[in-house]
């Protein structure tokens, strides 16, 4: 047996040296990375609408959108994250310092100065905003929260918005050892049950026009169904944003730059850890979880849809603060439900506050969000 290097000892560990490296990056960006997208196009909007299952006519019907107050297609709000360099294809996604330490999205915040419109050319500034260490029952060891921020502008130098994402970093070996969610069973469904669930897709409701004067605190949002979650659906979502979906020479280049990022698959070929989002056995072996799970921002997109379906074509989603509370596993069914919790005029704007949540078939809340929308 060969000797073990310091690097090997530190692999998968949250060390003081690793934390120091990351903290030194606070305030710094990722200048050498290229964003996945730079322009809001008809095709990009269409592809994202299909990936998240949000077929709003303002996204997919050019004739309909041309007659709206916007005069053109709008993009699903979640699209804005593909214009920054917080995560870029061919990169490690996170600052160096904690190789082999798993990352999980724990929360997101988006603020919008204006909607994303077809034809917008987007530039951004991205950087690590904050690093803090906390205790975690899930991980059972040292846990670190890293918050990133990105600011966006269009081709007219008008600010489009800002987002913050927080990722929890935990040691895989302690996560697997605690196996906090190991007793959860992956859902299985009969074809008759699937058909019954899918009837909800045919009855999904969307408001065309909603006025602030007609809104009352306590009003309910029409529920929205998503799922059952499949690896195919997850890859459809992730492929829109690029992330770690790489192969061939691009994968080879990524391995050369970040060998500790890659994990050999059952055939001995190194792959990024993104397989936890579609490979049940891989996820079980790596983290001790029942199976693969979605990306938090996917549920954020669904929570946003809860608001955009409700607010009408002239409404503007101004802010969302989302928390991802539990895993959304392969086979899970998710319902978006919510209600109006506030209504006031702020700086001349007619604002409404919504509380929207993701509820699975186990009656668990897997994500929730506070959303602010502006109405006519």
Protein backbone atom coordinates (compact mmCIF):
# COMPACT_ATOMS: atom_id res chain seq x y z
CA UNK A 1 0.00 0.00 0.00
CA UNK A 2 1.42 3.39 -0.98
CA UNK A 3 1.67 6.35 1.34
CA UNK A 4 -1.18 8.86 1.61
CA UNK A 5 -0.58 12.47 0.63
CA UNK A 6 -1.93 15.48 2.49
CA UNK A 7 -4.22 16.14 -0.46
CA UNK A 8 -5.68 12.65 -0.14
CA UNK A 9 -6.24 13.07 3.59
CA UNK A 10 -8.09 16.32 2.99
CA UNK A 11 -10.22 14.97 0.15
CA UNK A 12 -13.89 14.98 1.16
CA UNK A 13 -13.11 16.86 4.39
CA UNK A 14 -14.11 20.35 5.52
CA UNK A 15 -10.70 21.48 6.71
CA UNK A 16 -9.50 24.79 8.09
CA UNK A 17 -7.14 25.11 5.14
CA UNK A 18 -9.95 24.49 2.69
CA UNK A 19 -12.24 26.99 4.43
CA UNK A 20 -9.49 29.60 4.37
CA UNK A 21 -9.12 29.17 0.61
CA UNK A 22 -12.83 29.64 0.06
CA UNK A 23 -13.14 32.62 2.43
CA UNK A 24 -10.32 34.29 0.52
CA UNK A 25 -12.55 34.18 -2.55
CA UNK A 26 -15.40 36.19 -0.98
CA UNK A 27 -16.14 39.16 -3.23
CA UNK A 28 -14.31 37.60 -6.16
CA UNK A 29 -15.92 36.34 -9.36
CA UNK A 30 -15.17 33.86 -12.11
CA UNK A 31 -13.66 35.98 -14.90
CA UNK A 32 -12.36 33.04 -16.94
CA UNK A 33 -15.71 31.33 -17.24
CA UNK A 34 -18.15 31.69 -20.12
CA UNK A 35 -21.89 31.89 -19.39
CA UNK A 36 -24.03 29.13 -20.85
CA UNK A 37 -26.22 31.66 -22.67
CA UNK A 38 -25.92 35.34 -23.59
CA UNK A 39 -29.20 36.10 -25.38
CA UNK A 40 -32.90 35.47 -24.80
CA UNK A 41 -34.02 33.80 -28.02
CA UNK A 42 -37.30 32.31 -29.25
CA UNK A 43 -35.77 28.85 -29.17
CA UNK A 44 -34.24 29.24 -25.71
CA UNK A 45 -37.57 30.37 -24.27
CA UNK A 46 -39.37 27.47 -25.93
CA UNK A 47 -36.85 24.90 -24.73
CA UNK A 48 -37.04 26.12 -21.12
CA UNK A 49 -40.83 26.24 -21.16
CA UNK A 50 -40.87 22.58 -22.20
CA UNK A 51 -38.15 21.64 -19.71
CA UNK A 52 -40.11 22.97 -16.72
CA UNK A 53 -43.55 22.09 -18.09
CA UNK A 54 -44.80 25.69 -18.09
CA UNK A 55 -46.64 26.25 -21.38
CA UNK A 56 -47.69 29.84 -20.68
CA UNK A 57 -48.72 31.49 -24.00
CA UNK A 58 -46.47 34.46 -23.20
CA UNK A 59 -43.59 31.98 -23.50
CA UNK A 60 -44.57 29.89 -26.52
CA UNK A 61 -47.15 31.78 -28.62
CA UNK A 62 -45.56 34.67 -30.53
CA UNK A 63 -48.88 35.99 -31.85
CA UNK A 64 -50.38 35.99 -28.36
CA UNK A 65 -47.35 37.70 -26.85
CA UNK A 66 -47.30 40.37 -29.59
CA UNK A 67 -50.79 41.47 -28.53
CA UNK A 68 -49.83 41.67 -24.85
CA UNK A 69 -48.59 44.80 -23.11
CA UNK A 70 -45.05 43.42 -23.53
CA UNK A 71 -45.25 43.21 -27.30
CA UNK A 72 -43.00 40.18 -27.44
CA UNK A 73 -42.36 36.79 -25.87
CA UNK A 74 -41.30 36.71 -22.24
CA UNK A 75 -38.98 34.12 -20.73
CA UNK A 76 -39.74 32.02 -17.65
CA UNK A 77 -38.08 34.00 -14.81
CA UNK A 78 -35.78 31.13 -13.82
CA UNK A 79 -33.97 31.54 -17.14
CA UNK A 80 -31.93 34.43 -15.77
CA UNK A 81 -29.55 32.05 -14.00
CA UNK A 82 -28.17 30.70 -17.27
CA UNK A 83 -26.63 34.11 -18.05
CA UNK A 84 -24.09 34.16 -15.21
CA UNK A 85 -20.90 32.27 -14.48
CA UNK A 86 -21.65 30.92 -11.01
CA UNK A 87 -21.88 27.54 -12.69
CA UNK A 88 -20.40 27.13 -16.15
CA UNK A 89 -19.90 24.09 -18.36
CA UNK A 90 -16.39 22.73 -18.00
CA UNK A 91 -15.87 24.31 -14.57
CA UNK A 92 -16.02 22.91 -11.06
CA UNK A 93 -18.99 25.08 -10.19
CA UNK A 94 -17.54 26.05 -6.82
CA UNK A 95 -14.29 27.75 -5.71
CA UNK A 96 -11.43 25.40 -5.01
CA UNK A 97 -10.75 24.53 -1.41
CA UNK A 98 -13.04 21.64 -0.46
CA UNK A 99 -12.50 18.87 -3.05
CA UNK A 100 -14.90 15.96 -2.68
CA UNK A 101 -17.20 17.87 -0.29
CA UNK A 102 -20.74 17.54 -1.58
CA UNK A 103 -22.88 20.58 -2.40
CA UNK A 104 -26.68 20.84 -2.24
CA UNK A 105 -28.80 23.88 -3.07
CA UNK A 106 -30.55 25.04 0.11
CA UNK A 107 -32.15 28.32 -0.97
CA UNK A 108 -32.48 30.96 -3.66
CA UNK A 109 -33.47 34.61 -3.87
CA UNK A 110 -34.37 36.40 -7.10
CA UNK A 111 -35.28 40.07 -7.54
CA UNK A 112 -36.48 41.34 -10.92
CA UNK A 113 -36.36 44.95 -12.08
CA UNK A 114 -38.13 43.90 -15.27
CA UNK A 115 -39.10 40.67 -17.05
CA UNK A 116 -36.72 38.89 -19.40
CA UNK A 117 -37.90 39.63 -22.95
CA UNK A 118 -37.12 37.93 -26.23
CA UNK A 119 -34.17 39.69 -27.83
CA UNK A 120 -32.52 40.73 -24.55
CA UNK A 121 -28.75 40.35 -24.61
CA UNK A 122 -27.67 39.73 -21.07
CA UNK A 123 -24.40 40.38 -19.25
CA UNK A 124 -23.76 39.70 -15.60
CA UNK A 125 -21.39 40.02 -12.69
CA UNK A 126 -21.03 36.99 -10.43
CA UNK A 127 -19.13 36.44 -7.19
CA UNK A 128 -18.98 34.56 -3.91
CA UNK A 129 -20.86 36.65 -1.34
CA UNK A 130 -20.61 34.84 1.99
CA UNK A 131 -19.24 31.72 3.72
CA UNK A 132 -20.44 30.51 7.11
CA UNK A 133 -20.15 27.30 9.10
CA UNK A 134 -23.22 25.81 10.82
CA UNK A 135 -24.39 22.60 12.46
CA UNK A 136 -26.43 20.15 10.40
CA UNK A 137 -28.45 17.11 11.49
CA UNK A 138 -28.48 15.87 7.90
CA UNK A 139 -24.72 15.79 7.44
CA UNK A 140 -23.76 14.87 10.99
CA UNK A 141 -20.42 16.66 10.71
CA UNK A 142 -19.01 20.03 9.74
CA UNK A 143 -21.29 21.92 7.38
CA UNK A 144 -20.67 25.10 5.42
CA UNK A 145 -23.12 27.42 3.69
CA UNK A 146 -21.80 29.32 0.66
CA UNK A 147 -23.88 32.15 -0.81
CA UNK A 148 -23.27 33.46 -4.32
CA UNK A 149 -24.65 36.54 -6.00
CA UNK A 150 -25.14 37.52 -9.63
CA UNK A 151 -26.34 40.85 -11.04
CA UNK A 152 -27.74 41.15 -14.57
CA UNK A 153 -28.12 43.89 -17.19
CA UNK A 154 -29.52 43.97 -20.72
CA UNK A 155 -28.08 45.46 -23.92
CA UNK A 156 -29.36 48.91 -22.92
CA UNK A 157 -27.43 48.72 -19.63
CA UNK A 158 -30.75 48.47 -17.82
CA UNK A 159 -30.63 46.35 -14.70
CA UNK A 160 -32.65 43.17 -15.09
CA UNK A 161 -32.28 41.79 -11.59
CA UNK A 162 -30.17 39.99 -9.04
CA UNK A 163 -30.09 36.50 -7.63
CA UNK A 164 -28.49 34.82 -4.65
CA UNK A 165 -28.04 31.08 -4.30
CA UNK A 166 -26.98 29.32 -1.12
CA UNK A 167 -25.38 25.89 -1.24
CA UNK A 168 -24.80 23.64 1.73
CA UNK A 169 -21.47 21.80 1.70
CA UNK A 170 -21.23 18.59 3.69
CA UNK A 171 -18.88 15.66 4.00
CA UNK A 172 -20.18 12.70 2.02
CA UNK A 173 -18.88 10.06 4.41
CA UNK A 174 -20.73 11.57 7.38
CA UNK A 175 -23.85 12.13 5.29
CA UNK A 176 -23.86 8.48 4.30
CA UNK A 177 -23.16 7.39 7.88
CA UNK A 178 -26.07 9.36 9.38
CA UNK A 179 -28.42 8.15 6.60
CA UNK A 180 -31.06 10.52 7.93
CA UNK A 181 -33.51 9.80 5.10
CA UNK A 182 -32.67 6.14 4.51
CA UNK A 183 -36.09 4.92 5.68
CA UNK A 184 -37.90 6.90 2.98
CA UNK A 185 -39.10 4.62 0.20
CA UNK A 186 -39.06 5.68 -3.42
CA UNK A 187 -42.55 5.96 -4.86
CA UNK A 188 -43.94 3.42 -7.30
CA UNK A 189 -47.08 3.94 -9.36
CA UNK A 190 -49.47 1.86 -11.41
CA UNK A 191 -50.43 3.02 -14.89
CA UNK A 192 -53.97 3.70 -13.68
CA UNK A 193 -52.59 5.90 -10.89
CA UNK A 194 -50.44 7.78 -13.40
CA UNK A 195 -53.42 8.42 -15.64
CA UNK A 196 -55.42 9.67 -12.67
CA UNK A 197 -52.61 12.03 -11.67
CA UNK A 198 -52.20 13.35 -15.18
CA UNK A 199 -55.83 14.44 -15.27
CA UNK A 200 -54.67 17.33 -13.10
CA UNK A 201 -52.55 18.60 -15.99
CA UNK A 202 -55.69 18.96 -18.09
CA UNK A 203 -57.42 21.05 -15.42
CA UNK A 204 -54.51 23.42 -14.66
CA UNK A 205 -55.80 27.00 -14.39
CA UNK A 206 -54.14 30.22 -15.47
CA UNK A 207 -55.37 33.76 -14.93
CA UNK A 208 -55.30 36.05 -17.98
CA UNK A 209 -56.05 39.29 -16.12
CA UNK A 210 -55.98 40.05 -12.41
CA UNK A 211 -56.37 43.47 -10.81
CA UNK A 212 -54.96 44.49 -7.47
CA UNK A 213 -58.31 45.90 -6.32
CA UNK A 214 -59.95 42.47 -6.62
CA UNK A 215 -57.36 40.63 -4.50
CA UNK A 216 -58.11 39.66 -0.90
CA UNK A 217 -55.73 38.32 1.75
CA UNK A 218 -56.46 34.62 2.10
CA UNK A 219 -57.23 34.06 -1.60
CA UNK A 220 -56.01 30.65 -2.72
CA UNK A 221 -53.81 29.96 -5.72
CA UNK A 222 -54.92 27.26 -8.13
CA UNK A 223 -52.80 24.15 -7.50
CA UNK A 224 -50.23 22.99 -10.05
CA UNK A 225 -49.00 19.42 -10.46
CA UNK A 226 -45.43 18.40 -11.30
CA UNK A 227 -44.21 14.84 -11.65
CA UNK A 228 -43.88 12.03 -11.00
CA UNK A 229 -40.22 13.03 -11.26
CA UNK A 230 -38.15 10.98 -13.72
CA UNK A 231 -34.48 10.95 -14.74
CA UNK A 232 -35.60 12.03 -18.22
CA UNK A 233 -37.40 15.10 -16.84
CA UNK A 234 -34.43 15.96 -14.64
CA UNK A 235 -31.97 15.79 -17.52
CA UNK A 236 -34.35 17.91 -19.62
CA UNK A 237 -34.16 20.62 -16.96
CA UNK A 238 -30.45 20.39 -16.28
CA UNK A 239 -29.47 20.32 -19.95
CA UNK A 240 -31.00 23.77 -20.40
CA UNK A 241 -28.56 25.21 -17.88
CA UNK A 242 -25.54 23.13 -18.85
CA UNK A 243 -24.11 22.57 -15.37
CA UNK A 244 -21.93 19.40 -15.42
CA UNK A 245 -23.44 17.71 -18.47
CA UNK A 246 -20.19 17.11 -20.32
CA UNK A 247 -18.47 14.27 -22.15
CA UNK A 248 -15.58 13.38 -24.40
CA UNK A 249 -12.86 16.05 -24.65
CA UNK A 250 -14.81 18.51 -22.48
CA UNK A 251 -14.99 15.91 -19.70
CA UNK A 252 -11.29 15.18 -20.14
CA UNK A 253 -10.42 18.86 -19.82
CA UNK A 254 -12.61 19.16 -16.71
CA UNK A 255 -10.87 16.16 -15.15
CA UNK A 256 -7.44 17.68 -15.82
CA UNK A 257 -8.42 20.89 -14.05
CA UNK A 258 -10.45 19.31 -11.24
CA UNK A 259 -9.59 15.60 -10.82
CA UNK A 260 -11.05 15.54 -7.29
CA UNK A 261 -14.42 16.57 -8.67
CA UNK A 262 -14.88 13.44 -10.77
CA UNK A 263 -16.09 10.09 -9.41
CA UNK A 264 -15.49 6.81 -11.30
CA UNK A 265 -18.69 5.13 -12.42
CA UNK A 266 -19.35 1.38 -12.30
CA UNK A 267 -17.21 0.98 -15.42
CA UNK A 268 -14.30 2.97 -14.00
CA UNK A 269 -14.88 6.11 -16.06
CA UNK A 270 -14.68 9.41 -14.10
CA UNK A 271 -17.92 11.41 -14.11
CA UNK A 272 -19.02 14.58 -12.31
CA UNK A 273 -21.18 14.07 -9.18
CA UNK A 274 -24.21 15.41 -11.10
CA UNK A 275 -25.37 11.80 -11.40
CA UNK A 276 -27.02 12.22 -7.99
CA UNK A 277 -29.82 13.93 -9.93
CA UNK A 278 -30.81 10.90 -12.03
CA UNK A 279 -28.99 7.75 -10.86
CA UNK A 280 -30.66 6.09 -7.86
CA UNK A 281 -27.98 3.52 -7.04
CA UNK A 282 -25.12 6.00 -7.45
CA UNK A 283 -26.83 8.42 -5.04
CA UNK A 284 -27.55 5.67 -2.53
CA UNK A 285 -23.92 4.52 -2.58
CA UNK A 286 -22.48 8.04 -2.40
CA UNK A 287 -24.77 9.75 0.12
CA UNK A 288 -26.87 7.06 1.77
CA UNK A 289 -30.05 8.61 0.39
CA UNK A 290 -32.96 6.49 -0.92
CA UNK A 291 -32.27 7.60 -4.48
CA UNK A 292 -31.59 10.45 -6.88
CA UNK A 293 -33.15 13.88 -6.33
CA UNK A 294 -33.84 17.06 -8.28
CA UNK A 295 -32.04 20.40 -8.33
CA UNK A 296 -33.49 22.99 -5.96
CA UNK A 297 -33.88 25.62 -8.72
CA UNK A 298 -36.21 23.26 -10.57
CA UNK A 299 -38.69 23.55 -7.72
CA UNK A 300 -37.96 27.28 -7.65
CA UNK A 301 -39.14 27.42 -11.28
CA UNK A 302 -42.31 25.58 -10.26
CA UNK A 303 -42.90 27.95 -7.34
CA UNK A 304 -42.50 30.85 -9.74
CA UNK A 305 -45.10 29.27 -12.00
CA UNK A 306 -47.50 29.18 -9.08
CA UNK A 307 -47.21 32.98 -9.00
CA UNK A 308 -47.16 33.65 -12.76
CA UNK A 309 -50.20 31.44 -13.37
CA UNK A 310 -52.06 33.44 -10.72
CA UNK A 311 -50.98 37.03 -11.42
CA UNK A 312 -52.18 37.39 -15.02
CA UNK A 313 -50.40 38.51 -18.17
CA UNK A 314 -49.83 42.09 -16.95
CA UNK A 315 -48.42 41.11 -13.56
CA UNK A 316 -44.70 41.23 -12.76
CA UNK A 317 -42.88 38.80 -10.51
CA UNK A 318 -40.70 41.11 -8.45
CA UNK A 319 -39.10 38.87 -5.83
CA UNK A 320 -38.95 35.29 -4.65
CA UNK A 321 -37.21 33.91 -1.57
CA UNK A 322 -37.21 30.11 -1.75
CA UNK A 323 -36.08 27.46 0.72
CA UNK A 324 -35.50 23.84 -0.24
CA UNK A 325 -36.48 21.85 2.84
CA UNK A 326 -36.49 18.19 1.79
CA UNK A 327 -35.35 16.12 -1.16
CA UNK A 328 -37.59 15.63 -4.19
CA UNK A 329 -36.80 12.04 -5.19
CA UNK A 330 -37.28 10.15 -8.41
CA UNK A 331 -40.94 9.15 -8.63
CA UNK A 332 -42.15 11.90 -6.31
CA UNK A 333 -45.27 13.89 -7.14
CA UNK A 334 -45.23 17.58 -6.26
CA UNK A 335 -48.13 19.99 -5.89
CA UNK A 336 -47.65 23.77 -5.85
CA UNK A 337 -50.16 25.32 -3.47
CA UNK A 338 -50.34 28.78 -1.99
CA UNK A 339 -52.31 31.76 -0.82
CA UNK A 340 -52.27 35.55 -0.64
CA UNK A 341 -50.74 36.73 2.63
CA UNK A 342 -50.32 40.46 2.06
CA UNK A 343 -51.49 43.39 -0.04
CA UNK A 344 -50.19 46.96 0.04
CA UNK A 345 -49.06 49.88 -2.08
CA UNK A 346 -45.28 50.34 -1.99
CA UNK A 347 -43.66 53.34 -3.71
CA UNK A 348 -46.65 53.67 -6.00
CA UNK A 349 -46.73 49.98 -6.87
CA UNK A 350 -49.67 47.63 -6.26
CA UNK A 351 -47.89 44.80 -4.46
CA UNK A 352 -49.20 41.41 -3.35
CA UNK A 353 -47.33 38.88 -1.21
CA UNK A 354 -47.85 35.18 -1.81
CA UNK A 355 -46.77 32.17 0.21
CA UNK A 356 -46.28 29.20 -2.13
CA UNK A 357 -45.07 25.71 -1.24
CA UNK A 358 -44.20 22.37 -2.80
CA UNK A 359 -46.05 19.45 -1.23
CA UNK A 360 -45.29 15.86 -2.19
CA UNK A 361 -47.49 12.77 -2.12
CA UNK A 362 -46.24 12.05 1.41
CA UNK A 363 -47.82 15.34 2.57
CA UNK A 364 -44.35 16.78 3.17
CA UNK A 365 -43.40 20.36 2.31
CA UNK A 366 -40.22 19.99 0.27
CA UNK A 367 -39.84 23.67 -0.61
CA UNK A 368 -41.53 26.96 0.16
CA UNK A 369 -41.27 30.53 -1.01
CA UNK A 370 -42.33 34.04 -0.21
CA UNK A 371 -43.15 35.76 -3.49
CA UNK A 372 -43.87 39.41 -4.24
CA UNK A 373 -45.78 40.33 -7.40
CA UNK A 374 -46.87 43.67 -8.83
CA UNK A 375 -50.38 43.88 -10.28
CA UNK A 376 -52.14 46.48 -12.42
